[in-house]
Amino acid sequence: MTSVGCTNNQPGSTVKNKTGSWRTFKPISDREKCVECFNCYIFCPEGCIDTEFNIDYDYCKGCGICKNECPVNAIEMEIDE
C-alpha cells in the first residue's frame, strides 16, 4: 500500500520555515499611490501583508496576487536579487 501526504508534528513550526528565499519576484509597494483598499492584505495567501501594508519579505513567496488585486497599481513586481 502506498501512502501520499504528510503530517505536521509540530504545530506552529511554519513560523520557523521562512519561505521568502523561494521568491523570484519581489512586490514593491508605492505608498503614494495606495488608496488603502486592503485588497493586498485580504488576498495575500501567505498573510505577509499587515494592516499598515508592510510586506514581510521573510515569508512572501512573490506570487504577485497583491499586485493583481491592487486597483490602483500601487504594487510592482521586481526581480529579487
Protein backbone atom coordinates (compact mmCIF):
# COMPACT_ATOMS: atom_id res chain seq x y z
CA MET A 1 0.00 0.00 0.00
CA THR A 2 1.30 3.43 -0.94
CA SER A 3 0.54 6.50 1.14
CA VAL A 4 0.55 10.05 -0.12
CA GLY A 5 0.52 13.09 2.10
CA CYS A 6 2.24 14.43 5.13
CA THR A 7 1.67 15.40 8.71
CA ASN A 8 2.90 18.32 10.72
CA ASN A 9 4.02 17.01 14.07
CA GLN A 10 4.91 20.42 15.48
CA PRO A 11 2.08 22.98 15.49
CA GLY A 12 3.40 26.47 14.77
CA SER A 13 6.55 25.18 13.09
CA THR A 14 5.78 27.07 9.86
CA VAL A 15 6.98 30.24 11.56
CA LYS A 16 10.44 28.68 11.70
CA ASN A 17 10.47 27.96 7.96
CA LYS A 18 10.97 31.30 6.29
CA THR A 19 9.83 30.90 2.69
CA GLY A 20 10.96 34.25 1.30
CA SER A 21 14.04 32.67 -0.27
CA TRP A 22 11.76 30.82 -2.73
CA ARG A 23 10.84 34.12 -4.33
CA THR A 24 11.87 35.14 -7.87
CA PHE A 25 9.87 38.38 -7.93
CA LYS A 26 9.50 40.80 -5.05
CA PRO A 27 6.49 43.10 -4.54
CA ILE A 28 7.33 46.75 -4.03
CA SER A 29 4.52 48.99 -2.81
CA ASP A 30 4.18 52.66 -3.63
CA ARG A 31 2.56 54.30 -0.63
CA GLU A 32 1.85 57.47 -2.62
CA LYS A 33 -0.49 55.54 -4.96
CA CYS A 34 -2.06 53.33 -2.27
CA VAL A 35 -5.73 54.07 -1.55
CA GLU A 36 -5.86 51.70 1.46
CA CYS A 37 -8.47 49.37 -0.04
CA PHE A 38 -6.92 46.43 1.84
CA ASN A 39 -7.12 44.13 -1.20
CA CYS A 40 -3.45 43.19 -0.87
CA TYR A 41 -3.96 42.39 2.81
CA ILE A 42 -7.12 40.37 2.13
CA PHE A 43 -5.88 38.37 -0.86
CA CYS A 44 -2.28 37.60 0.18
CA PRO A 45 -2.36 33.79 0.56
CA GLU A 46 0.57 33.82 2.97
CA GLY A 47 -0.61 36.66 5.21
CA CYS A 48 2.59 38.55 4.52
CA ILE A 49 0.99 41.99 4.35
CA ASP A 50 -0.14 43.62 7.57
CA THR A 51 -2.88 46.22 8.07
CA GLU A 52 -0.33 49.00 7.64
CA PHE A 53 0.64 47.50 4.26
CA ASN A 54 4.10 46.39 5.31
CA ILE A 55 5.30 43.32 3.42
CA ASP A 56 7.06 40.60 5.39
CA TYR A 57 9.74 39.51 2.97
CA ASP A 58 10.80 36.65 5.23
CA TYR A 59 7.64 34.79 4.17
CA CYS A 60 6.50 36.46 0.92
CA LYS A 61 6.86 33.98 -1.96
CA GLY A 62 6.41 36.66 -4.64
CA CYS A 63 3.25 35.17 -6.12
CA GLY A 64 2.05 38.61 -7.28
CA ILE A 65 -1.55 38.23 -6.16
CA CYS A 66 -1.22 41.51 -4.24
CA LYS A 67 -0.19 43.26 -7.46
CA ASN A 68 -3.03 41.68 -9.42
CA GLU A 69 -5.64 42.70 -6.84
CA CYS A 70 -4.44 46.29 -6.38
CA PRO A 71 -6.97 48.58 -8.13
CA VAL A 72 -4.54 51.50 -8.50
CA ASN A 73 -1.34 49.61 -9.46
CA ALA A 74 0.42 50.64 -6.27
CA ILE A 75 2.39 47.39 -6.21
CA GLU A 76 5.05 46.49 -8.74
CA MET A 77 6.91 43.21 -9.04
CA GLU A 78 10.69 43.40 -9.41
CA ILE A 79 13.22 40.64 -9.84
CA ASP A 80 14.52 39.72 -6.40
CA GLU A 81 18.28 39.51 -6.37
